[in-house]
Amino acid sequence: MVVGFAIVAAWELVTAIGVVAFRKPMYNALSLVANMLGLAVLFLMLNAQFLFAAQIIVYAGAVMVLFVFIIALMNPEADISFRPGGTEWIYGVVFGVIFAALLAALLFNRGLTGRPGAFTPEVIAAAGNVQTIGIALYTRFLFPVEVTSVLLLVAAVGAVYLAMRRIR
């Protein structure tokens, strides 16, 4: 299990570096797809089958295919003009230091346990991972799920409206 995790973690690091290191947007998007697939494998190794399937279907499937199509329509062979200088590097350093400090705080405070969840590992093992998530989503978290679905519907209708307005 540890060797498998090390292999997948190395895969995640390499593909994450590829997301920001490649110069062509299509390679960046494909690296992000590979990274999402590696994350799905990590979910599977943690015995979270529902998250594995959702990661594959939603992120690596639908969202990334959309990104690849958008990049293909944007003329990815065009050079990206970036003028170094200015104050952008200051923002990068500041946010990098903040991120490193937060990461160090998380790594050195391993004694933090958080709140106990509503479902114990025994309940999850007895009922199954997918069934437990379904019960939680459609009982305790029904309102947030419905609000999210309405927001996604409004975003989709708005995107279609804006696209149709540009065509005219």
N, C-alpha and C. Protein backbone atom coordinates (compact mmCIF):
# COMPACT_ATOMS: atom_id res chain seq x y z
N MET A 1 0.82 -1.19 0.00
CA MET A 1 0.00 0.00 0.00
C MET A 1 0.87 1.26 0.00
N VAL A 2 1.94 1.25 0.78
CA VAL A 2 2.82 2.42 0.86
C VAL A 2 3.56 2.62 -0.46
N VAL A 3 3.98 1.53 -1.08
CA VAL A 3 4.69 1.64 -2.36
C VAL A 3 3.75 2.19 -3.43
N GLY A 4 2.51 1.70 -3.43
CA GLY A 4 1.52 2.21 -4.38
C GLY A 4 1.24 3.68 -4.18
N PHE A 5 1.14 4.08 -2.91
CA PHE A 5 0.92 5.50 -2.61
C PHE A 5 2.11 6.33 -3.08
N ALA A 6 3.33 5.84 -2.87
CA ALA A 6 4.52 6.58 -3.29
C ALA A 6 4.55 6.75 -4.81
N ILE A 7 4.16 5.71 -5.53
CA ILE A 7 4.14 5.79 -6.99
C ILE A 7 3.11 6.81 -7.45
N VAL A 8 1.90 6.74 -6.87
CA VAL A 8 0.85 7.68 -7.28
C VAL A 8 1.19 9.10 -6.84
N ALA A 9 1.82 9.26 -5.67
CA ALA A 9 2.22 10.59 -5.22
C ALA A 9 3.27 11.19 -6.15
N ALA A 10 4.21 10.37 -6.60
CA ALA A 10 5.21 10.85 -7.56
C ALA A 10 4.54 11.24 -8.87
N TRP A 11 3.58 10.45 -9.30
CA TRP A 11 2.81 10.76 -10.51
C TRP A 11 2.10 12.11 -10.35
N GLU A 12 1.50 12.33 -9.19
CA GLU A 12 0.80 13.59 -8.93
C GLU A 12 1.76 14.77 -8.98
N LEU A 13 2.94 14.62 -8.40
CA LEU A 13 3.92 15.71 -8.43
C LEU A 13 4.37 16.03 -9.85
N VAL A 14 4.66 15.00 -10.62
CA VAL A 14 5.14 15.21 -11.99
C VAL A 14 4.06 15.87 -12.84
N THR A 15 2.82 15.38 -12.73
CA THR A 15 1.76 15.96 -13.55
C THR A 15 1.39 17.37 -13.08
N ALA A 16 1.49 17.64 -11.77
CA ALA A 16 1.22 19.00 -11.28
C ALA A 16 2.27 19.97 -11.78
N ILE A 17 3.52 19.54 -11.83
CA ILE A 17 4.57 20.39 -12.39
C ILE A 17 4.31 20.61 -13.88
N GLY A 18 3.83 19.57 -14.56
CA GLY A 18 3.50 19.71 -15.98
C GLY A 18 2.39 20.71 -16.24
N VAL A 19 1.45 20.83 -15.29
CA VAL A 19 0.35 21.78 -15.46
C VAL A 19 0.87 23.21 -15.56
N VAL A 20 1.90 23.54 -14.81
CA VAL A 20 2.40 24.91 -14.81
C VAL A 20 3.67 25.09 -15.63
N ALA A 21 4.33 24.01 -16.03
CA ALA A 21 5.63 24.14 -16.68
C ALA A 21 5.56 24.16 -18.20
N PHE A 22 4.59 23.48 -18.79
CA PHE A 22 4.53 23.44 -20.25
C PHE A 22 4.17 24.80 -20.81
N ARG A 23 4.64 25.07 -22.02
CA ARG A 23 4.36 26.35 -22.65
C ARG A 23 3.11 26.31 -23.51
N LYS A 24 2.70 25.14 -23.95
CA LYS A 24 1.51 25.03 -24.80
C LYS A 24 0.30 24.70 -23.93
N PRO A 25 -0.80 25.44 -24.08
CA PRO A 25 -1.97 25.23 -23.23
C PRO A 25 -2.56 23.83 -23.33
N MET A 26 -2.47 23.21 -24.49
CA MET A 26 -3.02 21.86 -24.63
C MET A 26 -2.25 20.88 -23.75
N TYR A 27 -0.95 21.01 -23.66
CA TYR A 27 -0.16 20.14 -22.79
C TYR A 27 -0.49 20.39 -21.32
N ASN A 28 -0.74 21.66 -20.98
CA ASN A 28 -1.15 21.97 -19.61
C ASN A 28 -2.46 21.28 -19.26
N ALA A 29 -3.42 21.35 -20.18
CA ALA A 29 -4.72 20.73 -19.92
C ALA A 29 -4.59 19.21 -19.83
N LEU A 30 -3.78 18.61 -20.68
CA LEU A 30 -3.60 17.16 -20.61
C LEU A 30 -2.87 16.75 -19.34
N SER A 31 -1.96 17.57 -18.87
CA SER A 31 -1.31 17.29 -17.59
C SER A 31 -2.31 17.38 -16.45
N LEU A 32 -3.24 18.32 -16.55
CA LEU A 32 -4.27 18.43 -15.52
C LEU A 32 -5.19 17.22 -15.54
N VAL A 33 -5.52 16.71 -16.73
CA VAL A 33 -6.31 15.48 -16.82
C VAL A 33 -5.56 14.33 -16.15
N ALA A 34 -4.27 14.20 -16.43
CA ALA A 34 -3.48 13.13 -15.81
C ALA A 34 -3.42 13.30 -14.30
N ASN A 35 -3.35 14.54 -13.83
CA ASN A 35 -3.34 14.80 -12.39
C ASN A 35 -4.67 14.41 -11.76
N MET A 36 -5.77 14.73 -12.41
CA MET A 36 -7.09 14.36 -11.89
C MET A 36 -7.27 12.85 -11.85
N LEU A 37 -6.73 12.16 -12.84
CA LEU A 37 -6.81 10.69 -12.83
C LEU A 37 -5.99 10.11 -11.69
N GLY A 38 -4.82 10.68 -11.42
CA GLY A 38 -4.02 10.23 -10.29
C GLY A 38 -4.73 10.47 -8.96
N LEU A 39 -5.42 11.60 -8.86
CA LEU A 39 -6.19 11.88 -7.65
C LEU A 39 -7.31 10.86 -7.48
N ALA A 40 -7.92 10.46 -8.57
CA ALA A 40 -8.96 9.43 -8.51
C ALA A 40 -8.38 8.11 -8.00
N VAL A 41 -7.18 7.78 -8.43
CA VAL A 41 -6.53 6.56 -7.94
C VAL A 41 -6.27 6.65 -6.44
N LEU A 42 -5.88 7.83 -5.97
CA LEU A 42 -5.69 8.01 -4.52
C LEU A 42 -7.00 7.80 -3.77
N PHE A 43 -8.11 8.28 -4.31
CA PHE A 43 -9.41 8.04 -3.68
C PHE A 43 -9.72 6.55 -3.63
N LEU A 44 -9.40 5.85 -4.69
CA LEU A 44 -9.64 4.41 -4.72
C LEU A 44 -8.78 3.69 -3.69
N MET A 45 -7.54 4.13 -3.53
CA MET A 45 -6.67 3.53 -2.53
C MET A 45 -7.17 3.78 -1.11
N LEU A 46 -7.91 4.87 -0.91
CA LEU A 46 -8.48 5.18 0.40
C LEU A 46 -9.84 4.53 0.62
N ASN A 47 -10.24 3.65 -0.30
CA ASN A 47 -11.51 2.93 -0.23
C ASN A 47 -12.70 3.88 -0.33
N ALA A 48 -12.56 4.93 -1.11
CA ALA A 48 -13.64 5.88 -1.36
C ALA A 48 -14.08 5.73 -2.81
N GLN A 49 -14.86 4.68 -3.07
CA GLN A 49 -15.23 4.35 -4.44
C GLN A 49 -16.10 5.42 -5.08
N PHE A 50 -16.99 6.02 -4.30
CA PHE A 50 -17.86 7.06 -4.86
C PHE A 50 -17.04 8.27 -5.32
N LEU A 51 -16.10 8.70 -4.48
CA LEU A 51 -15.26 9.84 -4.87
C LEU A 51 -14.39 9.49 -6.07
N PHE A 52 -13.94 8.24 -6.15
CA PHE A 52 -13.17 7.78 -7.31
C PHE A 52 -14.00 7.95 -8.59
N ALA A 53 -15.23 7.44 -8.56
CA ALA A 53 -16.08 7.52 -9.75
C ALA A 53 -16.45 8.96 -10.07
N ALA A 54 -16.76 9.75 -9.04
CA ALA A 54 -17.11 11.16 -9.27
C ALA A 54 -15.93 11.93 -9.85
N GLN A 55 -14.74 11.65 -9.36
CA GLN A 55 -13.53 12.32 -9.86
C GLN A 55 -13.32 12.01 -11.34
N ILE A 56 -13.47 10.76 -11.70
CA ILE A 56 -13.29 10.36 -13.10
C ILE A 56 -14.36 10.99 -13.98
N ILE A 57 -15.62 10.87 -13.57
CA ILE A 57 -16.72 11.32 -14.42
C ILE A 57 -16.76 12.84 -14.50
N VAL A 58 -16.73 13.50 -13.37
CA VAL A 58 -16.96 14.95 -13.36
C VAL A 58 -15.71 15.71 -13.78
N TYR A 59 -14.59 15.47 -13.11
CA TYR A 59 -13.41 16.30 -13.36
C TYR A 59 -12.61 15.82 -14.55
N ALA A 60 -12.13 14.60 -14.48
CA ALA A 60 -11.28 14.11 -15.57
C ALA A 60 -12.09 13.93 -16.85
N GLY A 61 -13.37 13.68 -16.71
CA GLY A 61 -14.21 13.49 -17.88
C GLY A 61 -14.76 14.79 -18.42
N ALA A 62 -15.81 15.26 -17.80
CA ALA A 62 -16.59 16.37 -18.35
C ALA A 62 -15.84 17.70 -18.33
N VAL A 63 -15.34 18.11 -17.19
CA VAL A 63 -14.72 19.43 -17.08
C VAL A 63 -13.46 19.52 -17.93
N MET A 64 -12.63 18.52 -17.89
CA MET A 64 -11.38 18.60 -18.64
C MET A 64 -11.60 18.47 -20.14
N VAL A 65 -12.60 17.70 -20.56
CA VAL A 65 -12.92 17.67 -21.99
C VAL A 65 -13.37 19.05 -22.44
N LEU A 66 -14.15 19.73 -21.60
CA LEU A 66 -14.56 21.09 -21.91
C LEU A 66 -13.36 22.02 -22.03
N PHE A 67 -12.41 21.92 -21.10
CA PHE A 67 -11.20 22.75 -21.16
C PHE A 67 -10.41 22.47 -22.44
N VAL A 68 -10.27 21.21 -22.79
CA VAL A 68 -9.50 20.86 -23.99
C VAL A 68 -10.18 21.44 -25.24
N PHE A 69 -11.51 21.36 -25.32
CA PHE A 69 -12.21 21.94 -26.47
C PHE A 69 -12.05 23.45 -26.51
N ILE A 70 -12.13 24.10 -25.37
CA ILE A 70 -11.97 25.56 -25.33
C ILE A 70 -10.57 25.96 -25.78
N ILE A 71 -9.57 25.24 -25.29
CA ILE A 71 -8.19 25.55 -25.67
C ILE A 71 -7.98 25.31 -27.16
N ALA A 72 -8.59 24.24 -27.69
CA ALA A 72 -8.44 23.96 -29.11
C ALA A 72 -9.09 25.05 -29.96
N LEU A 73 -10.15 25.66 -29.47
CA LEU A 73 -10.81 26.73 -30.22
C LEU A 73 -10.11 28.07 -30.08
N MET A 74 -9.22 28.21 -29.10
CA MET A 74 -8.56 29.50 -28.83
C MET A 74 -7.30 29.73 -29.66
N ASN A 75 -6.94 28.85 -30.54
CA ASN A 75 -5.69 28.94 -31.28
C ASN A 75 -4.51 28.77 -30.33
N PRO A 76 -4.27 27.54 -29.89
CA PRO A 76 -3.22 27.30 -28.90
C PRO A 76 -1.81 27.50 -29.43
N GLU A 77 -1.64 27.64 -30.73
CA GLU A 77 -0.29 27.82 -31.28
C GLU A 77 0.19 29.26 -31.18
N ALA A 78 -0.73 30.16 -30.85
CA ALA A 78 -0.33 31.57 -30.74
C ALA A 78 0.57 31.75 -29.53
N ASP A 79 1.56 32.60 -29.69
CA ASP A 79 2.48 32.87 -28.58
C ASP A 79 1.79 33.68 -27.51
N ILE A 80 2.11 33.36 -26.29
CA ILE A 80 1.58 34.10 -25.15
C ILE A 80 2.56 35.21 -24.84
N SER A 81 2.08 36.44 -24.88
CA SER A 81 2.98 37.55 -24.61
C SER A 81 2.95 37.85 -23.11
N PHE A 82 4.09 37.74 -22.51
CA PHE A 82 4.23 38.02 -21.08
C PHE A 82 5.40 38.95 -20.91
N ARG A 83 5.16 40.06 -20.29
CA ARG A 83 6.19 41.06 -20.08
C ARG A 83 6.66 40.96 -18.64
N PRO A 84 7.85 40.39 -18.41
CA PRO A 84 8.32 40.29 -17.03
C PRO A 84 8.63 41.66 -16.46
N GLY A 85 8.58 41.72 -15.17
CA GLY A 85 8.84 42.99 -14.50
C GLY A 85 7.60 43.45 -13.76
N GLY A 86 7.66 44.64 -13.27
CA GLY A 86 6.51 45.14 -12.53
C GLY A 86 6.48 44.57 -11.12
N THR A 87 5.29 44.51 -10.58
CA THR A 87 5.15 44.07 -9.19
C THR A 87 4.54 42.69 -9.06
N GLU A 88 4.37 41.96 -10.16
CA GLU A 88 3.75 40.64 -10.07
C GLU A 88 4.56 39.70 -9.20
N TRP A 89 5.86 39.78 -9.26
CA TRP A 89 6.69 38.86 -8.50
C TRP A 89 6.54 39.09 -7.00
N ILE A 90 6.25 40.32 -6.60
CA ILE A 90 6.05 40.59 -5.17
C ILE A 90 4.81 39.84 -4.67
N TYR A 91 3.73 39.90 -5.45
CA TYR A 91 2.53 39.16 -5.07
C TYR A 91 2.80 37.66 -5.01
N GLY A 92 3.57 37.17 -5.95
CA GLY A 92 3.92 35.75 -5.94
C GLY A 92 4.70 35.35 -4.70
N VAL A 93 5.66 36.17 -4.33
CA VAL A 93 6.46 35.87 -3.13
C VAL A 93 5.60 35.94 -1.88
N VAL A 94 4.76 36.96 -1.78
CA VAL A 94 3.91 37.11 -0.59
C VAL A 94 2.97 35.93 -0.45
N PHE A 95 2.27 35.58 -1.52
CA PHE A 95 1.34 34.45 -1.45
C PHE A 95 2.08 33.13 -1.27
N GLY A 96 3.27 33.01 -1.83
CA GLY A 96 4.07 31.80 -1.61
C GLY A 96 4.47 31.63 -0.17
N VAL A 97 4.89 32.73 0.47
CA VAL A 97 5.27 32.67 1.90
C VAL A 97 4.05 32.35 2.76
N ILE A 98 2.91 32.96 2.45
CA ILE A 98 1.68 32.66 3.21
C ILE A 98 1.31 31.20 3.05
N PHE A 99 1.36 30.69 1.83
CA PHE A 99 1.03 29.29 1.59
C PHE A 99 2.00 28.36 2.31
N ALA A 100 3.29 28.67 2.26
CA ALA A 100 4.28 27.83 2.95
C ALA A 100 4.06 27.86 4.45
N ALA A 101 3.71 29.02 5.02
CA ALA A 101 3.46 29.10 6.46
C ALA A 101 2.23 28.28 6.85
N LEU A 102 1.18 28.36 6.05
CA LEU A 102 -0.02 27.56 6.34
C LEU A 102 0.27 26.07 6.22
N LEU A 103 1.03 25.70 5.21
CA LEU A 103 1.38 24.29 5.04
C LEU A 103 2.24 23.80 6.19
N ALA A 104 3.20 24.60 6.63
CA ALA A 104 4.03 24.22 7.77
C ALA A 104 3.19 24.10 9.04
N ALA A 105 2.24 25.01 9.24
CA ALA A 105 1.37 24.92 10.41
C ALA A 105 0.55 23.64 10.39
N LEU A 106 0.08 23.25 9.23
CA LEU A 106 -0.68 22.00 9.14
C LEU A 106 0.20 20.78 9.39
N LEU A 107 1.41 20.80 8.87
CA LEU A 107 2.29 19.65 9.02
C LEU A 107 2.79 19.48 10.44
N PHE A 108 3.03 20.57 11.14
CA PHE A 108 3.59 20.48 12.48
C PHE A 108 2.53 20.36 13.57
N ASN A 109 1.27 20.60 13.26
CA ASN A 109 0.19 20.46 14.24
C ASN A 109 -0.63 19.21 13.94
N ARG A 110 0.00 18.08 13.93
CA ARG A 110 -0.70 16.84 13.63
C ARG A 110 -1.62 16.40 14.75
N GLY A 111 -1.55 17.04 15.92
CA GLY A 111 -2.40 16.67 17.03
C GLY A 111 -3.84 17.12 16.85
N LEU A 112 -4.11 17.94 15.85
CA LEU A 112 -5.46 18.41 15.61
C LEU A 112 -6.31 17.27 15.06
N THR A 113 -7.38 16.96 15.72
CA THR A 113 -8.21 15.83 15.28
C THR A 113 -9.49 16.28 14.62
N GLY A 114 -9.98 17.46 14.93
CA GLY A 114 -11.22 17.93 14.33
C GLY A 114 -12.43 17.33 15.02
N ARG A 115 -13.59 17.63 14.49
CA ARG A 115 -14.83 17.11 15.06
C ARG A 115 -15.05 15.68 14.60
N PRO A 116 -15.64 14.86 15.43
CA PRO A 116 -15.99 13.52 14.96
C PRO A 116 -17.14 13.61 13.96
N GLY A 117 -17.10 12.79 12.96
CA GLY A 117 -18.14 12.81 11.94
C GLY A 117 -19.41 12.13 12.40
N ALA A 118 -20.45 12.29 11.60
CA ALA A 118 -21.74 11.68 11.93
C ALA A 118 -21.71 10.18 11.73
N PHE A 119 -20.86 9.71 10.83
CA PHE A 119 -20.79 8.29 10.52
C PHE A 119 -19.44 7.75 10.96
N THR A 120 -19.47 6.76 11.82
CA THR A 120 -18.24 6.12 12.29
C THR A 120 -17.73 5.17 11.22
N PRO A 121 -16.47 4.76 11.29
CA PRO A 121 -15.97 3.79 10.31
C PRO A 121 -16.75 2.47 10.33
N GLU A 122 -17.29 2.10 11.48
CA GLU A 122 -18.08 0.87 11.56
C GLU A 122 -19.38 1.00 10.77
N VAL A 123 -20.04 2.16 10.87
CA VAL A 123 -21.28 2.38 10.13
C VAL A 123 -21.00 2.39 8.63
N ILE A 124 -19.91 3.02 8.23
CA ILE A 124 -19.56 3.06 6.81
C ILE A 124 -19.25 1.67 6.29
N ALA A 125 -18.54 0.87 7.09
CA ALA A 125 -18.21 -0.49 6.66
C ALA A 125 -19.47 -1.35 6.56
N ALA A 126 -20.43 -1.15 7.46
CA ALA A 126 -21.64 -1.96 7.44
C ALA A 126 -22.57 -1.57 6.30
N ALA A 127 -22.74 -0.27 6.07
CA ALA A 127 -23.69 0.18 5.06
C ALA A 127 -23.07 0.32 3.68
N GLY A 128 -21.78 0.57 3.62
CA GLY A 128 -21.13 0.80 2.34
C GLY A 128 -20.88 2.28 2.14
N ASN A 129 -19.81 2.59 1.44
CA ASN A 129 -19.37 3.96 1.25
C ASN A 129 -20.38 4.77 0.44
N VAL A 130 -20.85 4.22 -0.67
CA VAL A 130 -21.75 4.94 -1.56
C VAL A 130 -23.10 5.17 -0.89
N GLN A 131 -23.60 4.15 -0.20
CA GLN A 131 -24.89 4.29 0.48
C GLN A 131 -24.81 5.34 1.59
N THR A 132 -23.73 5.36 2.33
CA THR A 132 -23.57 6.34 3.41
C THR A 132 -23.51 7.75 2.85
N ILE A 133 -22.81 7.95 1.74
CA ILE A 133 -22.75 9.28 1.12
C ILE A 133 -24.12 9.69 0.61
N GLY A 134 -24.84 8.75 0.00
CA GLY A 134 -26.19 9.06 -0.49
C GLY A 134 -27.13 9.46 0.63
N ILE A 135 -27.07 8.73 1.74
CA ILE A 135 -27.92 9.08 2.89
C ILE A 135 -27.56 10.47 3.40
N ALA A 136 -26.28 10.77 3.51
CA ALA A 136 -25.86 12.08 4.02
C ALA A 136 -26.27 13.20 3.06
N LEU A 137 -26.10 12.98 1.75
CA LEU A 137 -26.41 14.03 0.78
C LEU A 137 -27.89 14.35 0.73
N TYR A 138 -28.73 13.33 0.84
CA TYR A 138 -30.16 13.57 0.65
C TYR A 138 -30.95 13.60 1.94
N THR A 139 -30.29 13.69 3.08
CA THR A 139 -30.98 13.93 4.35
C THR A 139 -30.41 15.19 4.98
N ARG A 140 -29.21 15.09 5.49
CA ARG A 140 -28.61 16.21 6.22
C ARG A 140 -28.21 17.37 5.31
N PHE A 141 -27.74 17.07 4.11
CA PHE A 141 -27.25 18.11 3.20
C PHE A 141 -28.16 18.31 1.99
N LEU A 142 -29.46 18.08 2.16
CA LEU A 142 -30.38 18.22 1.03
C LEU A 142 -30.45 19.66 0.52
N PHE A 143 -30.55 20.62 1.41
CA PHE A 143 -30.66 22.02 0.99
C PHE A 143 -29.42 22.50 0.24
N PRO A 144 -28.20 22.27 0.75
CA PRO A 144 -27.02 22.69 -0.03
C PRO A 144 -26.91 22.01 -1.39
N VAL A 145 -27.33 20.75 -1.48
CA VAL A 145 -27.29 20.05 -2.77
C VAL A 145 -28.26 20.70 -3.75
N GLU A 146 -29.45 21.03 -3.27
CA GLU A 146 -30.44 21.65 -4.15
C GLU A 146 -30.02 23.06 -4.56
N VAL A 147 -29.45 23.83 -3.65
CA VAL A 147 -28.98 25.18 -3.98
C VAL A 147 -27.86 25.10 -5.01
N THR A 148 -26.96 24.14 -4.85
CA THR A 148 -25.88 23.95 -5.82
C THR A 148 -26.43 23.60 -7.19
N SER A 149 -27.43 22.73 -7.24
CA SER A 149 -28.01 22.36 -8.54
C SER A 149 -28.68 23.55 -9.21
N VAL A 150 -29.36 24.40 -8.44
CA VAL A 150 -29.98 25.59 -9.02
C VAL A 150 -28.91 26.56 -9.52
N LEU A 151 -27.83 26.74 -8.76
CA LEU A 151 -26.75 27.63 -9.20
C LEU A 151 -26.09 27.12 -10.48
N LEU A 152 -25.88 25.82 -10.58
CA LEU A 152 -25.31 25.26 -11.81
C LEU A 152 -26.25 25.45 -12.99
N LEU A 153 -27.54 25.29 -12.76
CA LEU A 153 -28.51 25.49 -13.83
C LEU A 153 -28.52 26.95 -14.29
N VAL A 154 -28.48 27.88 -13.35
CA VAL A 154 -28.44 29.31 -13.69
C VAL A 154 -27.16 29.64 -14.46
N ALA A 155 -26.03 29.07 -14.04
CA ALA A 155 -24.77 29.31 -14.74
C ALA A 155 -24.82 28.76 -16.16
N ALA A 156 -25.40 27.58 -16.35
CA ALA A 156 -25.50 27.01 -17.69
C ALA A 156 -26.40 27.85 -18.58
N VAL A 157 -27.54 28.29 -18.06
CA VAL A 157 -28.44 29.13 -18.85
C VAL A 157 -27.77 30.46 -19.18
N GLY A 158 -27.06 31.04 -18.22
CA GLY A 158 -26.35 32.29 -18.47
C GLY A 158 -25.27 32.14 -19.52
N ALA A 159 -24.55 31.03 -19.49
CA ALA A 159 -23.50 30.81 -20.50
C ALA A 159 -24.11 30.66 -21.89
N VAL A 160 -25.22 29.95 -21.99
CA VAL A 160 -25.88 29.80 -23.29
C VAL A 160 -26.40 31.16 -23.77
N TYR A 161 -26.96 31.94 -22.87
CA TYR A 161 -27.46 33.28 -23.24
C TYR A 161 -26.32 34.16 -23.75
N LEU A 162 -25.20 34.18 -23.04
CA LEU A 162 -24.07 35.00 -23.47
C LEU A 162 -23.50 34.52 -24.79
N ALA A 163 -23.45 33.21 -25.00
CA ALA A 163 -22.94 32.67 -26.26
C ALA A 163 -23.88 33.01 -27.41
N MET A 164 -25.17 32.94 -27.19
CA MET A 164 -26.13 33.26 -28.24
C MET A 164 -26.10 34.75 -28.57
N ARG A 165 -25.87 35.59 -27.57
CA ARG A 165 -25.83 37.03 -27.80
C ARG A 165 -24.63 37.42 -28.66
N ARG A 166 -23.51 36.71 -28.50
CA ARG A 166 -22.31 37.01 -29.30
C ARG A 166 -22.49 36.59 -30.75
N ILE A 167 -23.26 35.55 -30.99
CA ILE A 167 -23.44 35.06 -32.36
C ILE A 167 -24.22 36.08 -33.19
N ARG A 168 -25.19 36.73 -32.60
CA ARG A 168 -26.04 37.68 -33.34
C ARG A 168 -25.29 38.86 -33.76
